[in-house]
């Protein structure tokens, strides 16, 4: 199960290049359910996603990923609808002190888009539960919560410039 929230970006974190990052290319074979192929560096993956209804503001999906050999990725790439989405993903640790002295660690996945979506920046955070997603207070560099806005889904971006 994937539980996440998605935000626009007010400002980029300082020293962005110091964070781990990878170039991503992804395309869509189908959107209901979502069948996505993705290349992250040298890793190729086929993902199947189905939206799960929730009363939460979080995006909740049932998600399965399957490794793909590079040649299968290339073959499927030619079958994708729309255009390929290209972005650089930065992984940024978010740490928050709890009242009991414990720390919670989450990872912000900051995507800087290229090509048709040059200039668009989105940040996603995955959570262990819907309750954790609902309780999340984003840092100041996060912008508006667009979790419920279909215009910011990668599958939507693949079909719209």
N, C-alpha and C. Protein backbone atom coordinates (compact mmCIF):
# COMPACT_ATOMS: atom_id res chain seq x y z
N UNK A 1 0.85 -1.17 0.00
CA UNK A 1 0.00 0.00 0.00
C UNK A 1 0.90 1.24 0.00
N UNK A 2 0.57 2.19 -0.82
CA UNK A 2 1.31 3.45 -0.90
C UNK A 2 0.39 4.55 -0.35
N UNK A 3 0.87 5.26 0.65
CA UNK A 3 0.11 6.36 1.26
C UNK A 3 1.00 7.59 1.17
N UNK A 4 0.56 8.60 0.43
CA UNK A 4 1.41 9.77 0.24
C UNK A 4 0.60 11.05 0.15
N UNK A 5 1.32 12.15 0.32
CA UNK A 5 0.77 13.48 0.08
C UNK A 5 1.72 14.18 -0.87
N UNK A 6 1.17 15.07 -1.71
CA UNK A 6 1.93 15.75 -2.74
C UNK A 6 1.73 17.26 -2.60
N UNK A 7 2.84 17.99 -2.78
CA UNK A 7 2.82 19.45 -2.60
C UNK A 7 3.54 20.16 -3.75
N UNK A 8 3.12 21.39 -4.01
CA UNK A 8 3.93 22.28 -4.82
C UNK A 8 5.13 22.69 -3.96
N UNK A 9 6.07 23.41 -4.53
CA UNK A 9 7.28 23.79 -3.82
C UNK A 9 7.38 25.31 -3.76
N UNK A 10 7.49 25.86 -2.53
CA UNK A 10 7.68 27.30 -2.36
C UNK A 10 9.09 27.72 -2.72
N UNK A 11 10.07 26.95 -2.24
CA UNK A 11 11.47 27.27 -2.51
C UNK A 11 12.27 25.97 -2.41
N UNK A 12 13.35 25.91 -3.16
CA UNK A 12 14.18 24.71 -3.14
C UNK A 12 15.07 24.72 -1.90
N UNK A 13 15.31 23.55 -1.32
CA UNK A 13 16.22 23.47 -0.17
C UNK A 13 17.63 23.92 -0.56
N UNK A 14 18.35 24.46 0.40
CA UNK A 14 19.73 24.85 0.16
C UNK A 14 20.58 23.62 -0.12
N UNK A 15 21.63 23.81 -0.90
CA UNK A 15 22.60 22.75 -1.20
C UNK A 15 21.92 21.53 -1.82
N UNK A 16 20.99 21.78 -2.73
CA UNK A 16 20.19 20.71 -3.32
C UNK A 16 21.05 19.59 -3.91
N UNK A 17 22.15 19.93 -4.58
CA UNK A 17 22.98 18.92 -5.23
C UNK A 17 23.67 17.98 -4.23
N UNK A 18 23.66 18.34 -2.95
CA UNK A 18 24.30 17.46 -1.96
C UNK A 18 23.39 16.28 -1.58
N UNK A 19 22.12 16.33 -1.96
CA UNK A 19 21.20 15.24 -1.63
C UNK A 19 21.28 14.14 -2.71
N UNK A 20 21.03 12.89 -2.32
CA UNK A 20 21.00 11.82 -3.33
C UNK A 20 19.93 12.14 -4.37
N UNK A 21 20.26 11.90 -5.63
CA UNK A 21 19.28 12.16 -6.69
C UNK A 21 19.49 11.22 -7.86
N UNK A 22 18.45 11.09 -8.67
CA UNK A 22 18.47 10.19 -9.81
C UNK A 22 17.61 10.79 -10.93
N UNK A 23 18.02 10.53 -12.17
CA UNK A 23 17.23 10.93 -13.33
C UNK A 23 16.16 9.86 -13.56
N UNK A 24 14.93 10.32 -13.80
CA UNK A 24 13.80 9.40 -14.00
C UNK A 24 13.13 9.72 -15.33
N UNK A 25 12.78 8.64 -16.04
CA UNK A 25 11.95 8.74 -17.24
C UNK A 25 10.82 7.75 -17.04
N UNK A 26 9.59 8.18 -17.27
CA UNK A 26 8.47 7.26 -17.08
C UNK A 26 7.38 7.51 -18.10
N UNK A 27 6.66 6.45 -18.42
CA UNK A 27 5.56 6.54 -19.37
C UNK A 27 4.43 5.62 -18.93
N UNK A 28 3.28 5.80 -19.57
CA UNK A 28 2.06 5.11 -19.15
C UNK A 28 1.48 4.28 -20.29
N UNK A 29 1.22 3.01 -19.97
CA UNK A 29 0.61 2.08 -20.91
C UNK A 29 -0.91 2.09 -20.75
N UNK A 30 -1.37 2.45 -19.56
CA UNK A 30 -2.79 2.44 -19.22
C UNK A 30 -2.95 3.30 -17.97
N UNK A 31 -4.12 3.92 -17.80
CA UNK A 31 -4.32 4.75 -16.60
C UNK A 31 -5.44 4.25 -15.68
N UNK A 32 -6.15 3.17 -16.06
CA UNK A 32 -7.19 2.67 -15.17
C UNK A 32 -7.32 1.16 -15.31
N UNK A 33 -6.57 0.38 -14.53
CA UNK A 33 -5.61 0.79 -13.52
C UNK A 33 -4.36 1.36 -14.18
N UNK A 34 -3.54 2.01 -13.39
CA UNK A 34 -2.32 2.61 -13.92
C UNK A 34 -1.27 1.52 -14.16
N UNK A 35 -0.76 1.49 -15.39
CA UNK A 35 0.37 0.65 -15.75
C UNK A 35 1.47 1.61 -16.21
N UNK A 36 2.53 1.66 -15.42
CA UNK A 36 3.61 2.63 -15.68
C UNK A 36 4.92 1.88 -15.85
N UNK A 37 5.73 2.37 -16.80
CA UNK A 37 7.12 1.91 -16.86
C UNK A 37 7.99 3.07 -16.44
N UNK A 38 9.09 2.74 -15.77
CA UNK A 38 9.97 3.79 -15.25
C UNK A 38 11.42 3.34 -15.36
N UNK A 39 12.25 4.28 -15.77
CA UNK A 39 13.69 4.08 -15.76
C UNK A 39 14.26 5.05 -14.74
N UNK A 40 14.95 4.52 -13.72
CA UNK A 40 15.60 5.34 -12.69
C UNK A 40 17.08 4.97 -12.72
N UNK A 41 17.89 5.83 -13.34
CA UNK A 41 19.28 5.47 -13.53
C UNK A 41 19.35 4.23 -14.41
N UNK A 42 19.92 3.14 -13.90
CA UNK A 42 20.02 1.89 -14.65
C UNK A 42 18.95 0.88 -14.26
N UNK A 43 17.99 1.27 -13.45
CA UNK A 43 16.93 0.37 -12.97
C UNK A 43 15.67 0.61 -13.80
N UNK A 44 15.05 -0.49 -14.24
CA UNK A 44 13.82 -0.42 -15.04
C UNK A 44 12.72 -1.17 -14.31
N UNK A 45 11.54 -0.54 -14.20
CA UNK A 45 10.46 -1.10 -13.38
C UNK A 45 9.12 -0.94 -14.09
N UNK A 46 8.29 -1.96 -13.97
CA UNK A 46 6.88 -1.89 -14.37
C UNK A 46 6.08 -1.79 -13.08
N UNK A 47 5.18 -0.80 -13.00
CA UNK A 47 4.37 -0.59 -11.80
C UNK A 47 2.90 -0.69 -12.17
N UNK A 48 2.15 -1.38 -11.32
CA UNK A 48 0.69 -1.45 -11.42
C UNK A 48 0.14 -0.75 -10.19
N UNK A 49 -0.72 0.27 -10.42
CA UNK A 49 -1.31 1.03 -9.31
C UNK A 49 -2.82 1.08 -9.46
N UNK A 50 -3.50 0.96 -8.33
CA UNK A 50 -4.95 1.16 -8.29
C UNK A 50 -5.27 2.05 -7.11
N UNK A 51 -6.05 3.08 -7.36
CA UNK A 51 -6.43 4.00 -6.30
C UNK A 51 -7.36 3.30 -5.32
N UNK A 52 -7.13 3.57 -4.02
CA UNK A 52 -7.97 3.05 -2.96
C UNK A 52 -8.71 4.25 -2.37
N UNK A 53 -10.01 4.15 -2.27
CA UNK A 53 -10.79 5.27 -1.70
C UNK A 53 -10.46 5.44 -0.23
N UNK A 54 -10.37 6.70 0.19
CA UNK A 54 -10.05 6.99 1.59
C UNK A 54 -10.69 8.31 1.98
N UNK A 55 -11.05 8.44 3.23
CA UNK A 55 -11.60 9.69 3.74
C UNK A 55 -10.49 10.69 4.05
N UNK A 56 -9.26 10.27 3.91
CA UNK A 56 -8.09 11.08 4.22
C UNK A 56 -7.79 12.04 3.07
N UNK A 57 -6.95 13.05 3.36
CA UNK A 57 -6.45 13.94 2.31
C UNK A 57 -5.30 13.30 1.56
N UNK A 58 -4.81 12.17 2.05
CA UNK A 58 -3.68 11.48 1.43
C UNK A 58 -4.11 10.73 0.17
N UNK A 59 -3.15 10.50 -0.70
CA UNK A 59 -3.34 9.63 -1.85
C UNK A 59 -3.03 8.21 -1.37
N UNK A 60 -3.98 7.30 -1.55
CA UNK A 60 -3.78 5.92 -1.12
C UNK A 60 -3.94 5.02 -2.34
N UNK A 61 -2.87 4.29 -2.66
CA UNK A 61 -2.86 3.40 -3.81
C UNK A 61 -2.40 2.00 -3.41
N UNK A 62 -2.96 1.02 -4.07
CA UNK A 62 -2.42 -0.34 -4.02
C UNK A 62 -1.39 -0.36 -5.14
N UNK A 63 -0.15 -0.74 -4.81
CA UNK A 63 0.94 -0.64 -5.79
C UNK A 63 1.79 -1.89 -5.78
N UNK A 64 2.10 -2.39 -6.98
CA UNK A 64 3.02 -3.52 -7.13
C UNK A 64 4.06 -3.13 -8.17
N UNK A 65 5.33 -3.47 -7.89
CA UNK A 65 6.41 -3.16 -8.82
C UNK A 65 7.10 -4.44 -9.25
N UNK A 66 7.50 -4.46 -10.52
CA UNK A 66 8.17 -5.62 -11.10
C UNK A 66 9.41 -5.15 -11.85
N UNK A 67 10.54 -5.78 -11.60
CA UNK A 67 11.77 -5.44 -12.31
C UNK A 67 11.60 -5.79 -13.79
N UNK A 68 12.17 -4.93 -14.63
CA UNK A 68 12.13 -5.14 -16.08
C UNK A 68 13.55 -5.18 -16.63
N UNK A 69 13.86 -6.11 -17.50
CA UNK A 69 15.14 -6.01 -18.20
C UNK A 69 15.12 -4.76 -19.10
N UNK A 70 16.27 -4.18 -19.34
CA UNK A 70 16.36 -2.94 -20.13
C UNK A 70 15.71 -3.09 -21.50
N UNK A 71 15.90 -4.24 -22.16
CA UNK A 71 15.34 -4.41 -23.50
C UNK A 71 13.81 -4.46 -23.48
N UNK A 72 13.21 -4.98 -22.41
CA UNK A 72 11.74 -4.98 -22.27
C UNK A 72 11.24 -3.56 -22.04
N UNK A 73 11.99 -2.79 -21.25
CA UNK A 73 11.63 -1.38 -21.04
C UNK A 73 11.59 -0.65 -22.38
N UNK A 74 12.63 -0.84 -23.18
CA UNK A 74 12.71 -0.16 -24.49
C UNK A 74 11.53 -0.59 -25.37
N UNK A 75 11.19 -1.87 -25.38
CA UNK A 75 10.07 -2.35 -26.18
C UNK A 75 8.75 -1.75 -25.70
N UNK A 76 8.54 -1.70 -24.39
CA UNK A 76 7.30 -1.13 -23.84
C UNK A 76 7.24 0.39 -24.01
N UNK A 77 8.39 1.03 -24.00
CA UNK A 77 8.45 2.49 -24.14
C UNK A 77 7.74 2.95 -25.42
N UNK A 78 7.91 2.20 -26.48
CA UNK A 78 7.29 2.56 -27.76
C UNK A 78 5.77 2.39 -27.73
N UNK A 79 5.26 1.69 -26.73
CA UNK A 79 3.82 1.45 -26.60
C UNK A 79 3.13 2.45 -25.67
N UNK A 80 3.89 3.33 -25.04
CA UNK A 80 3.32 4.28 -24.08
C UNK A 80 2.44 5.31 -24.78
N UNK A 81 1.36 5.68 -24.09
CA UNK A 81 0.47 6.74 -24.56
C UNK A 81 1.03 8.08 -24.09
N UNK A 82 0.66 9.15 -24.77
CA UNK A 82 1.13 10.48 -24.37
C UNK A 82 2.62 10.60 -24.61
N UNK A 83 3.29 11.31 -23.74
CA UNK A 83 4.75 11.47 -23.87
C UNK A 83 5.42 11.02 -22.58
N UNK A 84 6.70 10.81 -22.66
CA UNK A 84 7.47 10.39 -21.50
C UNK A 84 7.64 11.58 -20.55
N UNK A 85 7.49 11.32 -19.27
CA UNK A 85 7.71 12.33 -18.23
C UNK A 85 9.16 12.18 -17.77
N UNK A 86 9.89 13.30 -17.75
CA UNK A 86 11.30 13.29 -17.33
C UNK A 86 11.48 14.24 -16.16
N UNK A 87 12.24 13.75 -15.17
CA UNK A 87 12.45 14.56 -13.97
C UNK A 87 13.70 14.10 -13.24
N UNK A 88 14.21 14.98 -12.40
CA UNK A 88 15.27 14.62 -11.47
C UNK A 88 14.64 14.53 -10.10
N UNK A 89 14.86 13.40 -9.41
CA UNK A 89 14.29 13.20 -8.08
C UNK A 89 15.40 13.30 -7.03
N UNK A 90 15.17 14.17 -6.05
CA UNK A 90 16.07 14.34 -4.90
C UNK A 90 15.39 13.73 -3.69
N UNK A 91 16.13 12.97 -2.90
CA UNK A 91 15.60 12.36 -1.67
C UNK A 91 16.15 13.11 -0.48
N UNK A 92 15.25 13.73 0.28
CA UNK A 92 15.63 14.63 1.38
C UNK A 92 15.02 14.11 2.67
N UNK A 93 15.86 13.81 3.65
CA UNK A 93 15.37 13.35 4.95
C UNK A 93 14.66 14.48 5.68
N UNK A 94 13.49 14.16 6.22
CA UNK A 94 12.75 15.09 7.07
C UNK A 94 12.73 14.49 8.46
N UNK A 95 13.23 15.20 9.43
CA UNK A 95 13.24 14.69 10.81
C UNK A 95 12.44 15.64 11.68
N UNK A 96 11.66 15.05 12.58
CA UNK A 96 10.79 15.84 13.44
C UNK A 96 10.87 15.27 14.84
N UNK A 97 11.03 16.12 15.80
CA UNK A 97 11.09 15.69 17.19
C UNK A 97 9.68 15.51 17.72
N UNK A 98 9.45 14.39 18.35
CA UNK A 98 8.15 14.12 18.97
C UNK A 98 8.19 14.58 20.42
N UNK A 99 7.04 14.81 21.02
CA UNK A 99 6.97 15.30 22.40
C UNK A 99 7.58 14.31 23.40
N UNK A 100 7.62 13.02 23.04
CA UNK A 100 8.19 12.02 23.95
C UNK A 100 9.70 11.86 23.77
N UNK A 101 10.31 12.75 22.96
CA UNK A 101 11.75 12.70 22.76
C UNK A 101 12.19 11.81 21.62
N UNK A 102 11.25 11.11 20.98
CA UNK A 102 11.59 10.26 19.85
C UNK A 102 11.58 11.08 18.56
N UNK A 103 12.24 10.58 17.57
CA UNK A 103 12.27 11.26 16.28
C UNK A 103 11.56 10.43 15.23
N UNK A 104 10.84 11.09 14.38
CA UNK A 104 10.20 10.46 13.24
C UNK A 104 10.98 10.89 12.01
N UNK A 105 11.30 9.96 11.16
CA UNK A 105 12.03 10.27 9.94
C UNK A 105 11.19 9.90 8.73
N UNK A 106 10.99 10.86 7.88
CA UNK A 106 10.29 10.66 6.62
C UNK A 106 11.21 11.15 5.51
N UNK A 107 10.93 10.74 4.29
CA UNK A 107 11.72 11.19 3.15
C UNK A 107 10.85 12.00 2.21
N UNK A 108 11.31 13.19 1.89
CA UNK A 108 10.66 14.02 0.88
C UNK A 108 11.30 13.68 -0.46
N UNK A 109 10.48 13.32 -1.44
CA UNK A 109 10.96 13.08 -2.79
C UNK A 109 10.62 14.31 -3.62
N UNK A 110 11.64 15.11 -3.87
CA UNK A 110 11.49 16.37 -4.61
C UNK A 110 11.76 16.09 -6.08
N UNK A 111 10.76 16.33 -6.92
CA UNK A 111 10.89 16.12 -8.36
C UNK A 111 10.97 17.46 -9.08
N UNK A 112 12.05 17.64 -9.85
CA UNK A 112 12.21 18.80 -10.72
C UNK A 112 12.03 18.29 -12.15
N UNK A 113 10.99 18.75 -12.81
CA UNK A 113 10.61 18.23 -14.12
C UNK A 113 11.40 18.89 -15.24
N UNK A 114 11.54 18.13 -16.34
CA UNK A 114 12.27 18.59 -17.52
C UNK A 114 11.36 18.49 -18.75
N UNK A 115 11.83 18.98 -19.86
CA UNK A 115 11.09 18.86 -21.12
C UNK A 115 9.82 19.69 -21.09
N UNK A 116 8.70 19.09 -21.46
CA UNK A 116 7.42 19.81 -21.53
C UNK A 116 6.99 20.43 -20.21
N UNK A 117 7.49 19.90 -19.11
CA UNK A 117 7.09 20.38 -17.79
C UNK A 117 8.22 21.12 -17.07
N UNK A 118 9.18 21.61 -17.85
CA UNK A 118 10.31 22.35 -17.28
C UNK A 118 9.79 23.46 -16.37
N UNK A 119 10.37 23.56 -15.18
CA UNK A 119 9.96 24.59 -14.23
C UNK A 119 8.98 24.09 -13.18
N UNK A 120 8.33 22.96 -13.42
CA UNK A 120 7.42 22.39 -12.42
C UNK A 120 8.24 21.66 -11.36
N UNK A 121 7.93 21.90 -10.11
CA UNK A 121 8.56 21.21 -8.98
C UNK A 121 7.47 20.69 -8.07
N UNK A 122 7.54 19.41 -7.74
CA UNK A 122 6.59 18.78 -6.82
C UNK A 122 7.37 18.00 -5.78
N UNK A 123 6.79 17.90 -4.59
CA UNK A 123 7.42 17.10 -3.54
C UNK A 123 6.37 16.16 -2.95
N UNK A 124 6.75 14.89 -2.82
CA UNK A 124 5.87 13.86 -2.25
C UNK A 124 6.51 13.29 -1.00
N UNK A 125 5.65 12.91 -0.06
CA UNK A 125 6.10 12.23 1.14
C UNK A 125 5.23 11.00 1.32
N UNK A 126 5.88 9.84 1.51
CA UNK A 126 5.15 8.60 1.78
C UNK A 126 5.10 8.37 3.28
N UNK A 127 3.98 7.80 3.73
CA UNK A 127 3.72 7.64 5.16
C UNK A 127 3.43 6.18 5.51
N UNK A 128 3.66 5.81 6.76
CA UNK A 128 3.38 4.43 7.18
C UNK A 128 1.89 4.17 7.40
N UNK A 129 1.10 5.25 7.54
CA UNK A 129 -0.34 5.09 7.79
C UNK A 129 -1.08 6.34 7.34
N UNK A 130 -2.38 6.20 7.15
CA UNK A 130 -3.23 7.34 6.80
C UNK A 130 -3.21 8.36 7.94
N UNK A 131 -3.20 7.87 9.18
CA UNK A 131 -3.17 8.78 10.35
C UNK A 131 -1.90 9.63 10.34
N UNK A 132 -0.77 9.03 10.01
CA UNK A 132 0.49 9.77 9.94
C UNK A 132 0.43 10.81 8.82
N UNK A 133 -0.19 10.45 7.70
CA UNK A 133 -0.32 11.39 6.58
C UNK A 133 -1.20 12.57 6.98
N UNK A 134 -2.30 12.30 7.67
CA UNK A 134 -3.21 13.36 8.09
C UNK A 134 -2.58 14.28 9.14
N UNK A 135 -1.69 13.73 9.97
CA UNK A 135 -1.07 14.52 11.04
C UNK A 135 0.16 15.29 10.56
N UNK A 136 0.63 15.05 9.36
CA UNK A 136 1.87 15.65 8.86
C UNK A 136 1.77 17.16 8.75
N UNK A 137 2.79 17.84 9.23
CA UNK A 137 2.91 19.30 9.10
C UNK A 137 4.14 19.56 8.23
N UNK A 138 3.93 20.03 7.01
CA UNK A 138 5.06 20.19 6.08
C UNK A 138 6.01 21.32 6.48
N UNK A 139 7.28 21.17 6.09
CA UNK A 139 8.24 22.25 6.34
C UNK A 139 7.90 23.48 5.49
N UNK A 140 8.48 24.61 5.83
CA UNK A 140 8.18 25.88 5.17
C UNK A 140 8.47 25.88 3.68
N UNK A 141 9.43 25.07 3.22
CA UNK A 141 9.75 25.08 1.79
C UNK A 141 8.70 24.37 0.94
N UNK A 142 7.80 23.62 1.57
CA UNK A 142 6.68 23.01 0.84
C UNK A 142 5.66 24.10 0.53
N UNK A 143 4.96 23.95 -0.60
CA UNK A 143 3.89 24.86 -0.96
C UNK A 143 2.54 24.23 -0.71
N UNK A 144 1.58 24.58 -1.56
CA UNK A 144 0.20 24.10 -1.42
C UNK A 144 0.12 22.59 -1.56
N UNK A 145 -0.77 21.98 -0.77
CA UNK A 145 -1.05 20.55 -0.85
C UNK A 145 -1.91 20.31 -2.10
N UNK A 146 -1.38 19.53 -3.05
CA UNK A 146 -2.10 19.24 -4.29
C UNK A 146 -2.43 17.74 -4.40
N UNK A 147 -2.46 17.07 -3.26
CA UNK A 147 -2.72 15.63 -3.24
C UNK A 147 -4.03 15.28 -3.95
N UNK A 148 -5.04 16.10 -3.80
CA UNK A 148 -6.35 15.81 -4.37
C UNK A 148 -6.54 16.40 -5.77
N UNK A 149 -5.54 17.09 -6.28
CA UNK A 149 -5.64 17.76 -7.58
C UNK A 149 -5.11 16.84 -8.69
N UNK A 150 -5.99 16.31 -9.54
CA UNK A 150 -5.54 15.36 -10.57
C UNK A 150 -4.58 15.97 -11.59
N UNK A 151 -4.52 17.28 -11.70
CA UNK A 151 -3.60 17.92 -12.67
C UNK A 151 -2.14 17.66 -12.34
N UNK A 152 -1.85 17.29 -11.09
CA UNK A 152 -0.46 17.07 -10.68
C UNK A 152 -0.08 15.60 -10.60
N UNK A 153 -0.95 14.72 -11.05
CA UNK A 153 -0.59 13.31 -11.15
C UNK A 153 0.34 13.14 -12.34
N UNK A 154 1.37 12.32 -12.18
CA UNK A 154 2.29 12.09 -13.28
C UNK A 154 1.59 11.54 -14.52
N UNK A 155 0.58 10.70 -14.32
CA UNK A 155 -0.16 10.17 -15.47
C UNK A 155 -0.87 11.29 -16.22
N UNK A 156 -1.37 12.29 -15.52
CA UNK A 156 -1.99 13.45 -16.16
C UNK A 156 -0.93 14.25 -16.93
N UNK A 157 0.22 14.43 -16.31
CA UNK A 157 1.30 15.19 -16.97
C UNK A 157 1.76 14.52 -18.26
N UNK A 158 1.69 13.19 -18.32
CA UNK A 158 2.11 12.47 -19.52
C UNK A 158 1.22 12.79 -20.73
N UNK A 159 0.01 13.23 -20.46
CA UNK A 159 -0.93 13.50 -21.56
C UNK A 159 -1.16 15.00 -21.78
N UNK A 160 -0.56 15.84 -20.94
CA UNK A 160 -0.78 17.28 -21.03
C UNK A 160 0.54 18.02 -20.91
N UNK A 161 0.73 19.01 -21.76
CA UNK A 161 1.96 19.80 -21.75
C UNK A 161 1.96 20.86 -20.70
